[in-house]
């Protein structure tokens, strides 16, 4: 399972780095879902892989101070292929 979150359109690069560092200190490794993407909307979507159901709440808690900067946080459905 992974969890995605999206930065708001007006969030600066420095603020994004601050939020990613905050997540790192909380034990989450956030990466761009579309590395190198030129389209801003897609470039602002990040993912935390290897997250379990309990991690969604922990991730939301870690992002709680950044409610204005984050548009959404959602878990991707688990797939058993």
N, C-alpha and C. Protein backbone atom coordinates (compact mmCIF):
# COMPACT_ATOMS: atom_id res chain seq x y z
N UNK A 1 0.84 -1.17 0.00
CA UNK A 1 0.00 0.00 0.00
C UNK A 1 0.89 1.23 0.00
N UNK A 2 0.41 2.24 -0.65
CA UNK A 2 1.12 3.53 -0.62
C UNK A 2 0.11 4.62 -0.31
N UNK A 3 0.64 5.75 0.08
CA UNK A 3 -0.19 6.91 0.41
C UNK A 3 0.31 8.07 -0.44
N UNK A 4 -0.63 8.75 -1.09
CA UNK A 4 -0.28 9.91 -1.90
C UNK A 4 -0.78 11.19 -1.21
N UNK A 5 -0.04 12.25 -1.46
CA UNK A 5 -0.51 13.57 -1.03
C UNK A 5 -0.11 14.57 -2.09
N UNK A 6 -0.84 15.68 -2.12
CA UNK A 6 -0.61 16.69 -3.15
C UNK A 6 -0.40 18.05 -2.49
N UNK A 7 0.67 18.69 -2.92
CA UNK A 7 0.92 20.06 -2.47
C UNK A 7 0.00 21.01 -3.21
N UNK A 8 -0.38 22.07 -2.54
CA UNK A 8 -1.17 23.12 -3.19
C UNK A 8 -0.34 23.82 -4.25
N UNK A 9 -1.02 24.45 -5.18
CA UNK A 9 -0.35 25.10 -6.31
C UNK A 9 0.60 26.22 -5.89
N UNK A 10 0.31 26.87 -4.78
CA UNK A 10 1.11 28.03 -4.38
C UNK A 10 2.21 27.71 -3.36
N UNK A 11 2.48 26.44 -3.12
CA UNK A 11 3.49 26.05 -2.14
C UNK A 11 4.88 26.14 -2.78
N UNK A 12 5.76 26.89 -2.16
CA UNK A 12 7.10 27.10 -2.71
C UNK A 12 7.94 25.83 -2.62
N UNK A 13 9.00 25.81 -3.40
CA UNK A 13 9.93 24.68 -3.40
C UNK A 13 10.53 24.49 -2.00
N UNK A 14 10.94 25.59 -1.37
CA UNK A 14 11.53 25.52 -0.03
C UNK A 14 10.55 24.95 0.99
N UNK A 15 9.29 25.36 0.89
CA UNK A 15 8.27 24.85 1.82
C UNK A 15 8.05 23.37 1.59
N UNK A 16 8.04 22.94 0.33
CA UNK A 16 7.89 21.51 0.03
C UNK A 16 9.04 20.72 0.66
N UNK A 17 10.26 21.23 0.53
CA UNK A 17 11.41 20.55 1.13
C UNK A 17 11.27 20.48 2.65
N UNK A 18 10.77 21.53 3.26
CA UNK A 18 10.55 21.54 4.71
C UNK A 18 9.55 20.45 5.12
N UNK A 19 8.47 20.33 4.36
CA UNK A 19 7.45 19.33 4.67
C UNK A 19 7.99 17.93 4.47
N UNK A 20 8.74 17.71 3.39
CA UNK A 20 9.33 16.40 3.14
C UNK A 20 10.31 16.03 4.24
N UNK A 21 11.07 17.00 4.72
CA UNK A 21 12.00 16.77 5.82
C UNK A 21 11.25 16.45 7.12
N UNK A 22 10.14 17.12 7.36
CA UNK A 22 9.31 16.82 8.53
C UNK A 22 8.81 15.38 8.46
N UNK A 23 8.38 14.95 7.29
CA UNK A 23 7.93 13.57 7.13
C UNK A 23 9.07 12.59 7.37
N UNK A 24 10.25 12.94 6.89
CA UNK A 24 11.42 12.08 7.09
C UNK A 24 11.71 11.90 8.57
N UNK A 25 11.63 12.98 9.33
CA UNK A 25 11.85 12.90 10.79
C UNK A 25 10.78 12.05 11.46
N UNK A 26 9.61 11.94 10.83
CA UNK A 26 8.53 11.12 11.37
C UNK A 26 8.59 9.68 10.86
N UNK A 27 9.62 9.37 10.07
CA UNK A 27 9.82 8.01 9.61
C UNK A 27 9.23 7.70 8.24
N UNK A 28 8.85 8.71 7.49
CA UNK A 28 8.26 8.51 6.16
C UNK A 28 9.21 9.02 5.08
N UNK A 29 9.33 8.25 4.01
CA UNK A 29 10.14 8.66 2.87
C UNK A 29 9.21 9.07 1.73
N UNK A 30 9.06 10.37 1.54
CA UNK A 30 8.17 10.89 0.50
C UNK A 30 8.97 11.13 -0.77
N UNK A 31 8.41 10.67 -1.89
CA UNK A 31 9.04 10.84 -3.19
C UNK A 31 8.01 11.34 -4.19
N UNK A 32 8.48 12.05 -5.18
CA UNK A 32 7.59 12.51 -6.24
C UNK A 32 6.99 11.32 -6.96
N UNK A 33 5.70 11.35 -7.18
CA UNK A 33 5.04 10.27 -7.91
C UNK A 33 5.42 10.32 -9.39
N UNK A 34 5.74 11.51 -9.87
CA UNK A 34 6.12 11.71 -11.27
C UNK A 34 7.43 12.51 -11.33
N UNK A 35 8.57 11.87 -11.03
CA UNK A 35 9.85 12.60 -11.01
C UNK A 35 10.15 13.24 -12.37
N UNK A 36 10.63 14.46 -12.34
CA UNK A 36 11.00 15.16 -13.56
C UNK A 36 9.82 15.71 -14.36
N UNK A 37 8.64 15.60 -13.82
CA UNK A 37 7.44 16.06 -14.51
C UNK A 37 7.46 17.57 -14.68
N UNK A 38 7.14 18.04 -15.85
CA UNK A 38 7.12 19.48 -16.13
C UNK A 38 5.76 20.11 -15.82
N UNK A 39 4.69 19.31 -15.87
CA UNK A 39 3.36 19.85 -15.58
C UNK A 39 3.21 20.02 -14.07
N UNK A 40 2.98 21.25 -13.60
CA UNK A 40 2.96 21.53 -12.16
C UNK A 40 1.98 20.68 -11.36
N UNK A 41 0.80 20.42 -11.89
CA UNK A 41 -0.20 19.64 -11.14
C UNK A 41 0.32 18.23 -10.84
N UNK A 42 0.95 17.61 -11.83
CA UNK A 42 1.48 16.26 -11.63
C UNK A 42 2.75 16.28 -10.78
N UNK A 43 3.56 17.30 -10.94
CA UNK A 43 4.80 17.41 -10.18
C UNK A 43 4.55 17.63 -8.69
N UNK A 44 3.35 18.04 -8.33
CA UNK A 44 3.05 18.34 -6.93
C UNK A 44 2.48 17.13 -6.17
N UNK A 45 2.38 15.98 -6.85
CA UNK A 45 1.86 14.77 -6.20
C UNK A 45 3.04 13.92 -5.72
N UNK A 46 3.01 13.58 -4.44
CA UNK A 46 4.06 12.79 -3.83
C UNK A 46 3.48 11.51 -3.25
N UNK A 47 4.35 10.53 -3.03
CA UNK A 47 3.90 9.26 -2.51
C UNK A 47 4.81 8.79 -1.38
N UNK A 48 4.23 8.07 -0.46
CA UNK A 48 4.95 7.38 0.59
C UNK A 48 4.65 5.90 0.38
N UNK A 49 5.66 5.14 -0.01
CA UNK A 49 5.45 3.72 -0.30
C UNK A 49 5.62 2.89 0.96
N UNK A 50 5.20 1.66 0.86
CA UNK A 50 5.29 0.70 1.97
C UNK A 50 4.58 1.22 3.22
N UNK A 51 3.45 1.83 3.01
CA UNK A 51 2.65 2.34 4.13
C UNK A 51 1.51 1.37 4.41
N UNK A 52 1.25 1.12 5.66
CA UNK A 52 0.13 0.28 6.06
C UNK A 52 -1.07 1.13 6.43
N UNK A 53 -2.20 0.49 6.70
CA UNK A 53 -3.41 1.24 7.05
C UNK A 53 -3.22 2.21 8.22
N UNK A 54 -2.45 1.81 9.23
CA UNK A 54 -2.22 2.69 10.37
C UNK A 54 -1.34 3.88 10.00
N UNK A 55 -0.52 3.69 8.97
CA UNK A 55 0.38 4.76 8.55
C UNK A 55 -0.36 5.95 7.96
N UNK A 56 -1.54 5.72 7.42
CA UNK A 56 -2.32 6.83 6.85
C UNK A 56 -2.62 7.84 7.93
N UNK A 57 -3.07 7.37 9.08
CA UNK A 57 -3.37 8.28 10.19
C UNK A 57 -2.11 8.95 10.71
N UNK A 58 -1.01 8.19 10.80
CA UNK A 58 0.25 8.76 11.27
C UNK A 58 0.77 9.81 10.30
N UNK A 59 0.61 9.54 9.01
CA UNK A 59 1.03 10.50 7.99
C UNK A 59 0.18 11.77 8.07
N UNK A 60 -1.13 11.60 8.23
CA UNK A 60 -2.01 12.76 8.38
C UNK A 60 -1.62 13.57 9.61
N UNK A 61 -1.26 12.88 10.70
CA UNK A 61 -0.84 13.59 11.91
C UNK A 61 0.46 14.36 11.67
N UNK A 62 1.40 13.74 10.94
CA UNK A 62 2.67 14.40 10.65
C UNK A 62 2.46 15.64 9.78
N UNK A 63 1.42 15.61 8.95
CA UNK A 63 1.13 16.74 8.06
C UNK A 63 0.15 17.74 8.66
N UNK A 64 -0.28 17.51 9.88
CA UNK A 64 -1.34 18.34 10.46
C UNK A 64 -0.97 19.83 10.56
N UNK A 65 0.30 20.14 10.71
CA UNK A 65 0.73 21.54 10.78
C UNK A 65 0.76 22.21 9.41
N UNK A 66 0.56 21.42 8.37
CA UNK A 66 0.67 21.93 7.00
C UNK A 66 -0.65 21.81 6.24
N UNK A 67 -1.75 21.97 6.93
CA UNK A 67 -3.07 21.82 6.30
C UNK A 67 -3.28 22.76 5.12
N UNK A 68 -2.73 23.93 5.20
CA UNK A 68 -2.90 24.91 4.11
C UNK A 68 -2.07 24.55 2.88
N UNK A 69 -0.99 23.82 3.09
CA UNK A 69 -0.09 23.49 1.99
C UNK A 69 -0.45 22.18 1.28
N UNK A 70 -1.20 21.31 1.95
CA UNK A 70 -1.52 19.99 1.41
C UNK A 70 -2.98 19.95 0.99
N UNK A 71 -3.23 19.62 -0.27
CA UNK A 71 -4.61 19.55 -0.77
C UNK A 71 -5.31 18.27 -0.32
N UNK A 72 -4.59 17.14 -0.37
CA UNK A 72 -5.21 15.89 0.06
C UNK A 72 -4.15 14.87 0.46
N UNK A 73 -4.58 13.91 1.27
CA UNK A 73 -3.78 12.74 1.64
C UNK A 73 -4.71 11.56 1.48
N UNK A 74 -4.30 10.57 0.67
CA UNK A 74 -5.16 9.40 0.48
C UNK A 74 -4.32 8.16 0.23
N UNK A 75 -4.86 7.05 0.69
CA UNK A 75 -4.21 5.76 0.51
C UNK A 75 -4.65 5.14 -0.80
N UNK A 76 -3.73 4.49 -1.47
CA UNK A 76 -4.10 3.75 -2.67
C UNK A 76 -4.64 2.39 -2.21
N UNK A 77 -5.56 1.83 -2.94
CA UNK A 77 -6.11 0.53 -2.54
C UNK A 77 -5.04 -0.56 -2.65
N UNK A 78 -5.11 -1.50 -1.74
CA UNK A 78 -4.20 -2.64 -1.78
C UNK A 78 -4.63 -3.56 -2.91
N UNK A 79 -3.67 -3.99 -3.68
CA UNK A 79 -3.97 -4.87 -4.82
C UNK A 79 -3.24 -6.18 -4.67
N UNK A 80 -3.94 -7.25 -4.82
CA UNK A 80 -3.34 -8.59 -4.77
C UNK A 80 -3.37 -9.16 -6.17
N UNK A 81 -2.33 -8.88 -6.92
CA UNK A 81 -2.26 -9.37 -8.31
C UNK A 81 -1.52 -10.66 -8.40
